[in-house]
N, C-alpha and C. Protein backbone atom coordinates (compact mmCIF):
# COMPACT_ATOMS: atom_id res chain seq x y z
N UNK A 1 28.39 36.88 30.08
CA UNK A 1 28.12 37.15 31.49
C UNK A 1 29.34 36.84 32.35
N UNK A 2 30.03 35.71 32.06
CA UNK A 2 31.17 35.33 32.88
C UNK A 2 32.26 36.39 32.84
N UNK A 3 32.48 36.96 31.65
CA UNK A 3 33.50 38.00 31.50
C UNK A 3 33.15 39.23 32.33
N UNK A 4 31.88 39.63 32.28
CA UNK A 4 31.45 40.83 33.00
C UNK A 4 31.57 40.66 34.51
N UNK A 5 31.41 39.43 35.00
CA UNK A 5 31.50 39.19 36.44
C UNK A 5 32.94 39.01 36.91
N UNK A 6 33.73 38.26 36.12
CA UNK A 6 35.08 37.92 36.57
C UNK A 6 36.05 39.09 36.45
N UNK A 7 35.93 39.87 35.37
CA UNK A 7 36.91 40.94 35.13
C UNK A 7 36.98 41.96 36.27
N UNK A 8 35.85 42.49 36.76
CA UNK A 8 35.95 43.44 37.87
C UNK A 8 36.56 42.83 39.13
N UNK A 9 36.23 41.56 39.41
CA UNK A 9 36.78 40.92 40.60
C UNK A 9 38.27 40.71 40.47
N UNK A 10 38.73 40.31 39.28
CA UNK A 10 40.17 40.15 39.06
C UNK A 10 40.89 41.47 39.22
N UNK A 11 40.25 42.55 38.79
CA UNK A 11 40.85 43.88 38.93
C UNK A 11 40.98 44.26 40.41
N UNK A 12 39.92 44.00 41.18
CA UNK A 12 39.96 44.30 42.62
C UNK A 12 41.07 43.52 43.30
N UNK A 13 41.16 42.23 42.98
CA UNK A 13 42.19 41.39 43.58
C UNK A 13 43.58 41.85 43.17
N UNK A 14 43.75 42.13 41.87
CA UNK A 14 45.05 42.56 41.37
C UNK A 14 45.53 43.86 41.99
N UNK A 15 44.66 44.85 42.03
CA UNK A 15 45.04 46.14 42.60
C UNK A 15 45.28 46.04 44.11
N UNK A 16 44.49 45.24 44.80
CA UNK A 16 44.70 45.09 46.24
C UNK A 16 46.04 44.42 46.53
N UNK A 17 46.44 43.46 45.69
CA UNK A 17 47.74 42.82 45.87
C UNK A 17 48.88 43.80 45.62
N UNK A 18 48.71 44.68 44.64
CA UNK A 18 49.72 45.71 44.40
C UNK A 18 49.82 46.66 45.59
N UNK A 19 48.68 47.05 46.14
CA UNK A 19 48.68 47.96 47.30
C UNK A 19 49.28 47.29 48.53
N UNK A 20 49.07 45.99 48.68
CA UNK A 20 49.68 45.26 49.79
C UNK A 20 51.20 45.32 49.69
N UNK A 21 51.72 45.12 48.48
CA UNK A 21 53.17 45.20 48.28
C UNK A 21 53.70 46.59 48.61
N UNK A 22 52.97 47.62 48.17
CA UNK A 22 53.38 49.00 48.47
C UNK A 22 53.35 49.26 49.98
N UNK A 23 52.31 48.77 50.65
CA UNK A 23 52.19 48.97 52.10
C UNK A 23 53.32 48.28 52.85
N UNK A 24 53.71 47.09 52.37
CA UNK A 24 54.82 46.37 53.00
C UNK A 24 56.12 47.14 52.85
N UNK A 25 56.35 47.69 51.66
CA UNK A 25 57.58 48.44 51.41
C UNK A 25 57.65 49.72 52.23
N UNK A 26 56.49 50.35 52.44
CA UNK A 26 56.44 51.61 53.18
C UNK A 26 56.27 51.41 54.69
N UNK A 27 56.09 50.16 55.10
CA UNK A 27 55.92 49.88 56.53
C UNK A 27 54.58 50.33 57.08
N UNK A 28 53.56 50.36 56.23
CA UNK A 28 52.23 50.82 56.64
C UNK A 28 51.40 49.63 57.12
N UNK A 29 51.75 49.12 58.29
CA UNK A 29 51.12 47.91 58.80
C UNK A 29 49.61 48.06 59.00
N UNK A 30 49.18 49.25 59.44
CA UNK A 30 47.76 49.44 59.73
C UNK A 30 46.92 49.35 58.46
N UNK A 31 47.50 49.74 57.31
CA UNK A 31 46.79 49.64 56.04
C UNK A 31 46.90 48.23 55.45
N UNK A 32 48.03 47.58 55.69
CA UNK A 32 48.27 46.26 55.11
C UNK A 32 47.23 45.25 55.59
N UNK A 33 46.87 45.29 56.87
CA UNK A 33 45.89 44.34 57.41
C UNK A 33 44.53 44.51 56.74
N UNK A 34 44.13 45.76 56.53
CA UNK A 34 42.84 46.02 55.87
C UNK A 34 42.87 45.58 54.41
N UNK A 35 44.01 45.82 53.75
CA UNK A 35 44.14 45.43 52.35
C UNK A 35 44.12 43.91 52.20
N UNK A 36 44.72 43.21 53.16
CA UNK A 36 44.70 41.75 53.13
C UNK A 36 43.26 41.23 53.21
N UNK A 37 42.44 41.90 54.03
CA UNK A 37 41.03 41.51 54.15
C UNK A 37 40.28 41.74 52.84
N UNK A 38 40.58 42.86 52.18
CA UNK A 38 39.95 43.16 50.89
C UNK A 38 40.32 42.10 49.86
N UNK A 39 41.61 41.77 49.81
CA UNK A 39 42.10 40.78 48.85
C UNK A 39 41.51 39.40 49.12
N UNK A 40 41.49 39.01 50.39
CA UNK A 40 40.94 37.70 50.76
C UNK A 40 39.45 37.61 50.43
N UNK A 41 38.72 38.68 50.73
CA UNK A 41 37.28 38.70 50.44
C UNK A 41 37.03 38.66 48.93
N UNK A 42 37.87 39.36 48.18
CA UNK A 42 37.75 39.36 46.72
C UNK A 42 37.96 37.97 46.13
N UNK A 43 38.98 37.26 46.64
CA UNK A 43 39.25 35.90 46.16
C UNK A 43 38.10 34.96 46.52
N UNK A 44 37.55 35.15 47.71
CA UNK A 44 36.42 34.31 48.12
C UNK A 44 35.21 34.55 47.21
N UNK A 45 34.93 35.82 46.93
CA UNK A 45 33.79 36.15 46.07
C UNK A 45 34.00 35.64 44.65
N UNK A 46 35.24 35.73 44.15
CA UNK A 46 35.54 35.21 42.81
C UNK A 46 35.31 33.70 42.76
N UNK A 47 35.69 33.01 43.84
CA UNK A 47 35.45 31.57 43.90
C UNK A 47 33.97 31.23 43.84
N UNK A 48 33.15 32.02 44.55
CA UNK A 48 31.70 31.80 44.52
C UNK A 48 31.13 32.06 43.13
N UNK A 49 31.61 33.12 42.49
CA UNK A 49 31.16 33.45 41.14
C UNK A 49 31.49 32.30 40.18
N UNK A 50 32.71 31.77 40.29
CA UNK A 50 33.12 30.67 39.42
C UNK A 50 32.24 29.44 39.63
N UNK A 51 31.91 29.14 40.90
CA UNK A 51 31.07 27.98 41.18
C UNK A 51 29.67 28.15 40.59
N UNK A 52 29.10 29.33 40.76
CA UNK A 52 27.75 29.58 40.23
C UNK A 52 27.74 29.51 38.71
N UNK A 53 28.78 30.05 38.07
CA UNK A 53 28.86 30.00 36.61
C UNK A 53 29.05 28.57 36.11
N UNK A 54 29.87 27.79 36.83
CA UNK A 54 30.07 26.39 36.46
C UNK A 54 28.74 25.63 36.53
N UNK A 55 28.02 25.83 37.62
CA UNK A 55 26.75 25.13 37.79
C UNK A 55 25.75 25.53 36.70
N UNK A 56 25.73 26.80 36.36
CA UNK A 56 24.82 27.28 35.31
C UNK A 56 25.14 26.63 33.97
N UNK A 57 26.44 26.51 33.66
CA UNK A 57 26.84 25.86 32.41
C UNK A 57 26.45 24.39 32.39
N UNK A 58 26.67 23.72 33.51
CA UNK A 58 26.32 22.30 33.58
C UNK A 58 24.82 22.10 33.36
N UNK A 59 24.01 22.90 34.05
CA UNK A 59 22.56 22.74 33.95
C UNK A 59 22.04 23.11 32.57
N UNK A 60 22.76 23.99 31.87
CA UNK A 60 22.36 24.37 30.52
C UNK A 60 22.91 23.41 29.47
N UNK A 61 23.69 22.42 29.92
CA UNK A 61 24.28 21.46 28.99
C UNK A 61 25.39 22.04 28.15
N UNK A 62 26.03 23.11 28.64
CA UNK A 62 27.06 23.80 27.86
C UNK A 62 28.46 23.64 28.44
N UNK A 63 28.59 22.87 29.51
CA UNK A 63 29.90 22.66 30.09
C UNK A 63 30.69 21.68 29.22
N UNK A 64 31.88 22.07 28.82
CA UNK A 64 32.73 21.23 27.97
C UNK A 64 33.79 20.54 28.82
N UNK A 65 34.10 19.33 28.43
CA UNK A 65 35.15 18.55 29.08
C UNK A 65 36.29 18.40 28.09
N UNK A 66 37.51 18.73 28.52
CA UNK A 66 38.68 18.67 27.65
C UNK A 66 39.60 17.54 28.11
N UNK A 67 39.69 16.51 27.28
CA UNK A 67 40.48 15.34 27.63
C UNK A 67 41.96 15.54 27.34
N UNK A 68 42.80 15.08 28.26
CA UNK A 68 44.24 15.05 28.03
C UNK A 68 44.82 13.97 28.94
N UNK A 69 45.97 13.46 28.55
CA UNK A 69 46.66 12.47 29.37
C UNK A 69 47.56 13.19 30.37
N UNK A 70 47.47 12.82 31.64
CA UNK A 70 48.30 13.49 32.64
C UNK A 70 48.74 12.50 33.72
N UNK A 71 49.84 12.85 34.38
CA UNK A 71 50.43 12.03 35.43
C UNK A 71 49.63 12.20 36.72
N UNK A 72 49.04 11.12 37.20
CA UNK A 72 48.19 11.20 38.39
C UNK A 72 49.00 11.64 39.60
N UNK A 73 50.20 11.06 39.78
CA UNK A 73 51.02 11.39 40.95
C UNK A 73 51.40 12.87 40.97
N UNK A 74 51.70 13.42 39.80
CA UNK A 74 52.06 14.84 39.73
C UNK A 74 50.87 15.72 40.11
N UNK A 75 49.69 15.36 39.61
CA UNK A 75 48.49 16.11 39.96
C UNK A 75 48.26 16.08 41.47
N UNK A 76 48.41 14.90 42.06
CA UNK A 76 48.21 14.75 43.50
C UNK A 76 49.20 15.60 44.28
N UNK A 77 50.45 15.63 43.83
CA UNK A 77 51.46 16.45 44.50
C UNK A 77 51.11 17.94 44.42
N UNK A 78 50.63 18.37 43.27
CA UNK A 78 50.21 19.78 43.12
C UNK A 78 49.06 20.11 44.06
N UNK A 79 48.09 19.21 44.15
CA UNK A 79 46.94 19.44 45.03
C UNK A 79 47.39 19.45 46.49
N UNK A 80 48.32 18.57 46.83
CA UNK A 80 48.84 18.51 48.21
C UNK A 80 49.43 19.86 48.63
N UNK A 81 50.20 20.47 47.74
CA UNK A 81 50.82 21.76 48.06
C UNK A 81 49.78 22.84 48.32
N UNK A 82 48.67 22.78 47.59
CA UNK A 82 47.60 23.77 47.76
C UNK A 82 46.82 23.54 49.05
N UNK A 83 46.59 22.28 49.38
CA UNK A 83 45.75 21.93 50.53
C UNK A 83 46.50 22.00 51.85
N UNK A 84 47.80 21.80 51.83
CA UNK A 84 48.59 21.71 53.06
C UNK A 84 48.35 22.88 54.02
N UNK A 85 48.37 24.14 53.53
CA UNK A 85 48.10 25.26 54.45
C UNK A 85 46.71 25.20 55.07
N UNK A 86 45.73 24.69 54.32
CA UNK A 86 44.37 24.57 54.86
C UNK A 86 44.33 23.55 56.00
N UNK A 87 45.08 22.46 55.84
CA UNK A 87 45.14 21.45 56.89
C UNK A 87 45.78 22.02 58.15
N UNK A 88 46.87 22.74 57.97
CA UNK A 88 47.59 23.31 59.11
C UNK A 88 46.76 24.34 59.86
N UNK A 89 45.88 25.01 59.16
CA UNK A 89 45.07 26.07 59.77
C UNK A 89 44.25 25.55 60.94
N UNK A 90 43.81 24.29 60.86
CA UNK A 90 43.03 23.69 61.95
C UNK A 90 43.82 22.58 62.64
N UNK A 91 45.16 22.69 62.55
CA UNK A 91 46.07 21.75 63.23
C UNK A 91 45.83 20.31 62.80
N UNK A 92 45.54 20.11 61.53
CA UNK A 92 45.35 18.77 60.99
C UNK A 92 46.62 18.27 60.32
N UNK A 93 46.76 16.96 60.27
CA UNK A 93 47.87 16.34 59.56
C UNK A 93 47.36 15.83 58.22
N UNK A 94 48.01 16.25 57.13
CA UNK A 94 47.61 15.82 55.79
C UNK A 94 48.49 14.66 55.36
N UNK A 95 47.87 13.53 55.05
CA UNK A 95 48.59 12.33 54.64
C UNK A 95 48.25 11.99 53.20
N UNK A 96 49.27 11.64 52.43
CA UNK A 96 49.08 11.27 51.02
C UNK A 96 49.57 9.85 50.81
N UNK A 97 48.71 9.01 50.27
CA UNK A 97 49.05 7.62 49.97
C UNK A 97 48.84 7.42 48.47
N UNK A 98 49.91 7.68 47.71
CA UNK A 98 49.83 7.59 46.24
C UNK A 98 51.20 7.22 45.70
N UNK A 99 51.27 6.12 44.98
CA UNK A 99 52.54 5.67 44.41
C UNK A 99 52.99 6.62 43.29
N UNK A 100 54.29 6.89 43.25
CA UNK A 100 54.83 7.72 42.17
C UNK A 100 54.66 7.04 40.81
N UNK A 101 54.47 5.72 40.83
CA UNK A 101 54.34 4.95 39.59
C UNK A 101 52.89 4.58 39.28
N UNK A 102 51.95 5.34 39.83
CA UNK A 102 50.54 4.99 39.61
C UNK A 102 50.13 5.18 38.16
N UNK A 103 50.89 5.98 37.42
CA UNK A 103 50.66 6.10 35.99
C UNK A 103 49.82 7.30 35.58
N UNK A 104 49.32 7.23 34.35
CA UNK A 104 48.58 8.34 33.75
C UNK A 104 47.10 8.01 33.65
N UNK A 105 46.29 9.05 33.53
CA UNK A 105 44.88 8.87 33.20
C UNK A 105 44.50 9.89 32.15
N UNK A 106 43.46 9.61 31.39
CA UNK A 106 42.99 10.53 30.36
C UNK A 106 41.63 11.06 30.77
N UNK A 107 41.62 12.33 31.15
CA UNK A 107 40.38 12.97 31.62
C UNK A 107 40.60 14.48 31.53
N UNK A 108 39.69 15.25 32.10
CA UNK A 108 39.87 16.70 32.17
C UNK A 108 40.65 17.01 33.44
N UNK A 109 41.94 17.29 33.28
CA UNK A 109 42.82 17.48 34.44
C UNK A 109 42.34 18.61 35.34
N UNK A 110 41.87 19.70 34.74
CA UNK A 110 41.41 20.84 35.53
C UNK A 110 40.23 20.46 36.41
N UNK A 111 39.29 19.68 35.87
CA UNK A 111 38.10 19.29 36.63
C UNK A 111 38.44 18.26 37.70
N UNK A 112 39.36 17.34 37.41
CA UNK A 112 39.78 16.38 38.43
C UNK A 112 40.46 17.12 39.58
N UNK A 113 41.30 18.08 39.24
CA UNK A 113 41.96 18.90 40.26
C UNK A 113 40.92 19.63 41.12
N UNK A 114 39.90 20.17 40.45
CA UNK A 114 38.86 20.92 41.15
C UNK A 114 38.08 20.01 42.10
N UNK A 115 37.78 18.80 41.66
CA UNK A 115 37.07 17.85 42.52
C UNK A 115 37.88 17.51 43.76
N UNK A 116 39.16 17.20 43.56
CA UNK A 116 40.02 16.86 44.69
C UNK A 116 40.16 18.04 45.65
N UNK A 117 40.31 19.23 45.09
CA UNK A 117 40.44 20.43 45.92
C UNK A 117 39.18 20.64 46.75
N UNK A 118 38.02 20.50 46.13
CA UNK A 118 36.76 20.69 46.85
C UNK A 118 36.60 19.71 48.00
N UNK A 119 36.87 18.43 47.73
CA UNK A 119 36.67 17.41 48.76
C UNK A 119 37.71 17.51 49.87
N UNK A 120 38.96 17.78 49.50
CA UNK A 120 40.00 17.88 50.52
C UNK A 120 39.85 19.14 51.37
N UNK A 121 39.46 20.24 50.75
CA UNK A 121 39.27 21.47 51.53
C UNK A 121 38.10 21.31 52.50
N UNK A 122 37.04 20.61 52.07
CA UNK A 122 35.93 20.32 52.98
C UNK A 122 36.39 19.46 54.15
N UNK A 123 37.20 18.44 53.84
CA UNK A 123 37.70 17.55 54.90
C UNK A 123 38.53 18.33 55.92
N UNK A 124 39.36 19.23 55.44
CA UNK A 124 40.18 20.06 56.34
C UNK A 124 39.31 21.00 57.17
N UNK A 125 38.27 21.51 56.54
CA UNK A 125 37.40 22.49 57.19
C UNK A 125 36.60 21.86 58.34
N UNK A 126 36.17 20.60 58.15
CA UNK A 126 35.31 19.95 59.14
C UNK A 126 36.08 19.00 60.05
N UNK A 127 37.41 19.09 60.04
CA UNK A 127 38.25 18.28 60.92
C UNK A 127 39.12 19.21 61.75
N UNK A 128 39.23 18.91 63.04
CA UNK A 128 40.01 19.76 63.93
C UNK A 128 41.01 18.90 64.71
N UNK A 129 42.31 19.19 64.54
CA UNK A 129 43.38 18.46 65.22
C UNK A 129 43.29 16.97 64.95
N UNK A 130 43.03 16.64 63.70
CA UNK A 130 42.93 15.24 63.30
C UNK A 130 43.77 14.96 62.07
N UNK A 131 43.33 14.01 61.26
CA UNK A 131 44.05 13.67 60.04
C UNK A 131 43.11 13.72 58.84
N UNK A 132 43.68 14.14 57.73
CA UNK A 132 42.99 14.11 56.43
C UNK A 132 43.89 13.33 55.49
N UNK A 133 43.36 12.28 54.90
CA UNK A 133 44.16 11.39 54.07
C UNK A 133 43.60 11.33 52.65
N UNK A 134 44.51 11.42 51.68
CA UNK A 134 44.15 11.17 50.28
C UNK A 134 44.84 9.89 49.84
N UNK A 135 44.04 8.87 49.56
CA UNK A 135 44.57 7.59 49.11
C UNK A 135 44.16 7.37 47.66
N UNK A 136 45.14 7.06 46.82
CA UNK A 136 44.88 6.90 45.39
C UNK A 136 45.28 5.49 44.96
N UNK A 137 44.36 4.77 44.33
CA UNK A 137 44.63 3.41 43.86
C UNK A 137 44.05 3.21 42.47
N UNK A 138 44.57 2.19 41.79
CA UNK A 138 44.01 1.78 40.50
C UNK A 138 43.35 0.42 40.69
N UNK A 139 42.18 0.27 40.12
CA UNK A 139 41.45 -0.99 40.21
C UNK A 139 40.96 -1.38 38.82
N UNK A 140 40.70 -2.67 38.65
CA UNK A 140 40.15 -3.16 37.38
C UNK A 140 38.81 -3.83 37.65
N UNK A 141 37.78 -3.37 36.96
CA UNK A 141 36.44 -3.92 37.11
C UNK A 141 35.93 -4.33 35.73
N UNK A 142 35.68 -5.62 35.56
CA UNK A 142 35.18 -6.16 34.29
C UNK A 142 36.05 -5.72 33.12
N UNK A 143 37.35 -5.79 33.33
CA UNK A 143 38.31 -5.49 32.26
C UNK A 143 38.57 -4.02 32.02
N UNK A 144 37.93 -3.14 32.80
CA UNK A 144 38.12 -1.69 32.63
C UNK A 144 38.93 -1.14 33.80
N UNK A 145 39.97 -0.37 33.49
CA UNK A 145 40.81 0.23 34.52
C UNK A 145 40.17 1.50 35.07
N UNK A 146 40.16 1.60 36.39
CA UNK A 146 39.60 2.76 37.07
C UNK A 146 40.64 3.33 38.03
N UNK A 147 40.53 4.61 38.31
CA UNK A 147 41.34 5.22 39.37
C UNK A 147 40.39 5.62 40.49
N UNK A 148 40.82 5.37 41.70
CA UNK A 148 39.98 5.63 42.88
C UNK A 148 40.70 6.59 43.82
N UNK A 149 40.03 7.68 44.16
CA UNK A 149 40.55 8.65 45.11
C UNK A 149 39.69 8.58 46.38
N UNK A 150 40.29 8.19 47.49
CA UNK A 150 39.58 8.18 48.77
C UNK A 150 40.05 9.36 49.61
N UNK A 151 39.13 10.22 50.00
CA UNK A 151 39.44 11.35 50.88
C UNK A 151 38.86 11.00 52.24
N UNK A 152 39.74 10.72 53.19
CA UNK A 152 39.35 10.19 54.49
C UNK A 152 39.69 11.21 55.58
N UNK A 153 38.73 11.54 56.41
CA UNK A 153 39.01 12.46 57.52
C UNK A 153 38.54 11.88 58.85
N UNK A 154 39.09 12.42 59.92
CA UNK A 154 38.70 12.00 61.27
C UNK A 154 37.88 13.10 61.93
N UNK A 155 37.07 13.77 61.13
CA UNK A 155 36.32 14.93 61.59
C UNK A 155 35.01 14.62 62.28
N UNK A 156 34.11 15.58 62.21
CA UNK A 156 32.87 15.54 62.97
C UNK A 156 31.86 14.52 62.46
N UNK A 157 32.00 14.08 61.22
CA UNK A 157 31.05 13.15 60.65
C UNK A 157 29.78 13.84 60.17
N UNK A 158 29.00 13.11 59.39
CA UNK A 158 27.78 13.67 58.78
C UNK A 158 26.58 12.83 59.19
N UNK A 159 25.51 13.46 59.67
CA UNK A 159 24.31 12.69 60.03
C UNK A 159 23.78 11.93 58.82
N UNK A 160 23.30 10.71 59.06
CA UNK A 160 22.84 9.87 57.95
C UNK A 160 21.72 10.52 57.16
N UNK A 161 20.86 11.29 57.85
CA UNK A 161 19.75 11.93 57.15
C UNK A 161 20.21 13.08 56.25
N UNK A 162 21.45 13.55 56.46
CA UNK A 162 21.96 14.66 55.65
C UNK A 162 22.72 14.18 54.42
N UNK A 163 23.19 12.93 54.44
CA UNK A 163 24.04 12.44 53.36
C UNK A 163 23.32 12.48 52.01
N UNK A 164 22.04 12.12 51.98
CA UNK A 164 21.32 12.08 50.71
C UNK A 164 21.15 13.45 50.08
N UNK A 165 21.32 14.51 50.87
CA UNK A 165 21.17 15.87 50.34
C UNK A 165 22.51 16.53 50.03
N UNK A 166 23.62 15.86 50.35
CA UNK A 166 24.94 16.49 50.26
C UNK A 166 25.26 17.02 48.87
N UNK A 167 24.85 16.28 47.84
CA UNK A 167 25.23 16.64 46.48
C UNK A 167 24.17 17.48 45.78
N UNK A 168 23.21 17.98 46.54
CA UNK A 168 22.22 18.90 45.98
C UNK A 168 22.77 20.33 46.03
N UNK A 169 22.35 21.16 45.09
CA UNK A 169 22.81 22.54 45.05
C UNK A 169 22.43 23.28 46.33
N UNK A 170 23.37 24.08 46.82
CA UNK A 170 23.18 24.94 48.01
C UNK A 170 22.86 24.13 49.26
N UNK A 171 23.26 22.86 49.27
CA UNK A 171 22.99 22.03 50.44
C UNK A 171 24.07 22.22 51.50
N UNK A 172 23.65 22.34 52.75
CA UNK A 172 24.55 22.39 53.89
C UNK A 172 24.08 21.36 54.90
N UNK A 173 25.00 20.91 55.76
CA UNK A 173 24.63 19.93 56.77
C UNK A 173 23.56 20.51 57.68
N UNK A 174 23.77 21.76 58.13
CA UNK A 174 22.76 22.49 58.89
C UNK A 174 23.15 23.96 58.89
N UNK A 175 22.29 24.81 59.40
CA UNK A 175 22.55 26.24 59.39
C UNK A 175 23.75 26.63 60.24
N UNK A 176 23.99 25.88 61.32
CA UNK A 176 25.11 26.22 62.19
C UNK A 176 26.44 26.00 61.47
N UNK A 177 26.52 24.95 60.62
CA UNK A 177 27.76 24.71 59.88
C UNK A 177 28.00 25.81 58.87
N UNK A 178 26.92 26.35 58.29
CA UNK A 178 27.06 27.46 57.35
C UNK A 178 27.65 28.68 58.05
N UNK A 179 27.16 28.97 59.25
CA UNK A 179 27.66 30.13 59.98
C UNK A 179 29.10 29.94 60.40
N UNK A 180 29.45 28.73 60.87
CA UNK A 180 30.79 28.50 61.39
C UNK A 180 31.83 28.34 60.29
N UNK A 181 31.49 27.58 59.23
CA UNK A 181 32.49 27.22 58.24
C UNK A 181 32.34 27.95 56.91
N UNK A 182 31.21 28.60 56.67
CA UNK A 182 31.02 29.32 55.43
C UNK A 182 30.74 28.38 54.26
N UNK A 183 30.78 28.95 53.05
CA UNK A 183 30.54 28.15 51.85
C UNK A 183 29.11 28.28 51.35
N UNK A 184 28.93 27.91 50.08
CA UNK A 184 27.61 28.04 49.47
C UNK A 184 26.88 26.70 49.35
N UNK A 185 27.61 25.59 49.54
CA UNK A 185 26.99 24.29 49.32
C UNK A 185 26.97 23.92 47.85
N UNK A 186 27.82 24.56 47.05
CA UNK A 186 27.88 24.26 45.61
C UNK A 186 29.03 23.32 45.26
N UNK A 187 30.08 23.31 46.06
CA UNK A 187 31.28 22.55 45.71
C UNK A 187 31.03 21.08 45.48
N UNK A 188 30.29 20.44 46.37
CA UNK A 188 30.01 19.02 46.22
C UNK A 188 29.09 18.74 45.04
N UNK A 189 28.09 19.59 44.85
CA UNK A 189 27.16 19.42 43.73
C UNK A 189 27.91 19.51 42.40
N UNK A 190 28.79 20.49 42.29
CA UNK A 190 29.56 20.67 41.05
C UNK A 190 30.52 19.51 40.84
N UNK A 191 31.20 19.08 41.91
CA UNK A 191 32.14 17.96 41.80
C UNK A 191 31.43 16.70 41.32
N UNK A 192 30.25 16.44 41.88
CA UNK A 192 29.47 15.27 41.48
C UNK A 192 29.12 15.34 40.00
N UNK A 193 28.69 16.50 39.53
CA UNK A 193 28.32 16.65 38.12
C UNK A 193 29.53 16.42 37.22
N UNK A 194 30.68 17.01 37.59
CA UNK A 194 31.89 16.82 36.78
C UNK A 194 32.25 15.34 36.69
N UNK A 195 32.17 14.65 37.82
CA UNK A 195 32.54 13.24 37.84
C UNK A 195 31.60 12.41 36.96
N UNK A 196 30.30 12.69 37.04
CA UNK A 196 29.34 11.99 36.20
C UNK A 196 29.59 12.25 34.72
N UNK A 197 29.96 13.48 34.39
CA UNK A 197 30.24 13.82 33.00
C UNK A 197 31.41 13.04 32.43
N UNK A 198 32.33 12.61 33.32
CA UNK A 198 33.50 11.85 32.88
C UNK A 198 33.33 10.36 33.13
N UNK A 199 32.08 9.93 33.31
CA UNK A 199 31.81 8.50 33.43
C UNK A 199 32.07 7.90 34.79
N UNK A 200 32.27 8.75 35.81
CA UNK A 200 32.55 8.25 37.16
C UNK A 200 31.44 8.59 38.13
N UNK A 201 31.79 8.55 39.42
CA UNK A 201 30.81 8.89 40.45
C UNK A 201 31.54 9.23 41.75
N UNK A 202 30.84 9.92 42.64
CA UNK A 202 31.35 10.23 43.98
C UNK A 202 30.38 9.66 44.99
N UNK A 203 30.90 8.92 45.96
CA UNK A 203 30.07 8.36 47.03
C UNK A 203 30.65 8.77 48.38
N UNK A 204 29.86 8.59 49.43
CA UNK A 204 30.31 8.99 50.76
C UNK A 204 29.82 8.01 51.82
N UNK A 205 30.69 7.76 52.80
CA UNK A 205 30.33 7.02 54.00
C UNK A 205 30.77 7.85 55.19
N UNK A 206 29.97 7.88 56.24
CA UNK A 206 30.30 8.73 57.38
C UNK A 206 29.72 8.18 58.67
N UNK A 207 30.46 8.43 59.76
CA UNK A 207 30.02 8.06 61.10
C UNK A 207 30.19 9.28 62.00
N UNK A 208 29.12 9.68 62.67
CA UNK A 208 29.18 10.84 63.55
C UNK A 208 30.25 10.64 64.62
N UNK A 209 31.11 11.64 64.78
CA UNK A 209 32.16 11.60 65.79
C UNK A 209 33.40 10.83 65.38
N UNK A 210 33.36 10.16 64.21
CA UNK A 210 34.51 9.37 63.76
C UNK A 210 35.10 9.90 62.46
N UNK A 211 34.27 10.44 61.59
CA UNK A 211 34.78 10.99 60.35
C UNK A 211 34.04 10.52 59.12
N UNK A 212 34.56 10.93 57.97
CA UNK A 212 33.89 10.64 56.69
C UNK A 212 34.91 10.18 55.65
N UNK A 213 34.41 9.42 54.68
CA UNK A 213 35.22 9.01 53.53
C UNK A 213 34.44 9.33 52.26
N UNK A 214 34.99 10.23 51.46
CA UNK A 214 34.42 10.53 50.14
C UNK A 214 35.26 9.80 49.11
N UNK A 215 34.61 9.10 48.19
CA UNK A 215 35.32 8.30 47.19
C UNK A 215 34.95 8.75 45.79
N UNK A 216 35.98 9.11 45.02
CA UNK A 216 35.83 9.42 43.60
C UNK A 216 36.32 8.21 42.81
N UNK A 217 35.48 7.68 41.95
CA UNK A 217 35.89 6.59 41.05
C UNK A 217 35.66 7.04 39.62
N UNK A 218 36.72 6.94 38.81
CA UNK A 218 36.66 7.37 37.41
C UNK A 218 37.39 6.39 36.54
N UNK A 219 36.93 6.21 35.29
CA UNK A 219 37.71 5.38 34.36
C UNK A 219 39.05 6.04 34.08
N UNK A 220 40.09 5.22 34.00
CA UNK A 220 41.42 5.75 33.70
C UNK A 220 41.43 6.45 32.36
N UNK A 221 40.62 5.93 31.43
CA UNK A 221 40.52 6.56 30.11
C UNK A 221 39.05 6.66 29.71
N UNK A 222 38.58 7.89 29.53
CA UNK A 222 37.22 8.10 29.04
C UNK A 222 37.23 7.88 27.54
N UNK A 223 36.36 7.00 27.07
CA UNK A 223 36.47 6.54 25.69
C UNK A 223 35.67 7.37 24.70
N UNK A 224 34.40 7.58 24.96
CA UNK A 224 33.53 8.16 23.93
C UNK A 224 33.21 9.62 24.19
N UNK A 225 33.22 10.41 23.13
CA UNK A 225 32.84 11.82 23.21
C UNK A 225 31.36 11.95 23.58
N UNK A 226 30.55 11.00 23.07
CA UNK A 226 29.11 11.07 23.34
C UNK A 226 28.84 10.99 24.83
N UNK A 227 29.59 10.14 25.51
CA UNK A 227 29.41 10.01 26.95
C UNK A 227 29.71 11.32 27.66
N UNK A 228 30.75 12.01 27.18
CA UNK A 228 31.14 13.27 27.80
C UNK A 228 30.10 14.35 27.61
N UNK A 229 29.39 14.30 26.48
CA UNK A 229 28.46 15.38 26.17
C UNK A 229 27.12 15.24 26.90
N UNK A 230 26.87 14.06 27.45
CA UNK A 230 25.58 13.92 28.11
C UNK A 230 25.53 14.83 29.33
N UNK A 231 24.41 15.31 29.62
CA UNK A 231 24.25 16.23 30.75
C UNK A 231 24.26 15.46 32.07
N UNK A 232 25.17 15.87 32.94
CA UNK A 232 25.25 15.20 34.24
C UNK A 232 23.96 15.39 35.02
N UNK A 233 23.25 16.46 34.74
CA UNK A 233 22.02 16.73 35.49
C UNK A 233 20.92 15.74 35.17
N UNK A 234 21.08 14.95 34.11
CA UNK A 234 20.07 13.96 33.76
C UNK A 234 20.17 12.71 34.64
N UNK A 235 21.33 12.57 35.34
CA UNK A 235 21.52 11.38 36.15
C UNK A 235 20.73 11.45 37.44
């Protein structure tokens, strides 16, 4: 099913990008703007398809986690480059607090990247002319090393009655936020499941009018395969 859904969308995106290049070379500005909309909409739809497929795999207990050792600081730098344009779009300042010597962790790098991207893009989306901060630290609890990612924003904040529903599938703060900011409400649910699958968790604290802090805590090294195979949906 994933192949049948992704392949046509990748084709639409690929061909639209080729046509954009041709329009630029020929000076066809009136066509280029429309093609940009097609390409942007295609990428958005592909993102939604990927989220729905990820959630389906998780709920079916078929999502696999691939462990590898990777440099935390390098991952953070890569994510920063991706998120920076999103922060600028709403005149936000993106701040990174992560030591170059923070070291390595052993986890699924792709899923950690996806979690950070989801939380940071949300922070940028719901903050206007403020700051979005990613703070990364290592902590030791009962002899076990953990890495902690704090995503801190000075945005609109989340009502206390909405926080308990944030990590549910298709959850939105309210209908007005859906209309203004878009999204399916799957990003947080998927991120939470990924984190649980790797032995960690995501928590949130928020104050209306002051902002929110989302915290990812994960073991620096996931030890057992059995832990990885358990279904996050059972938690």
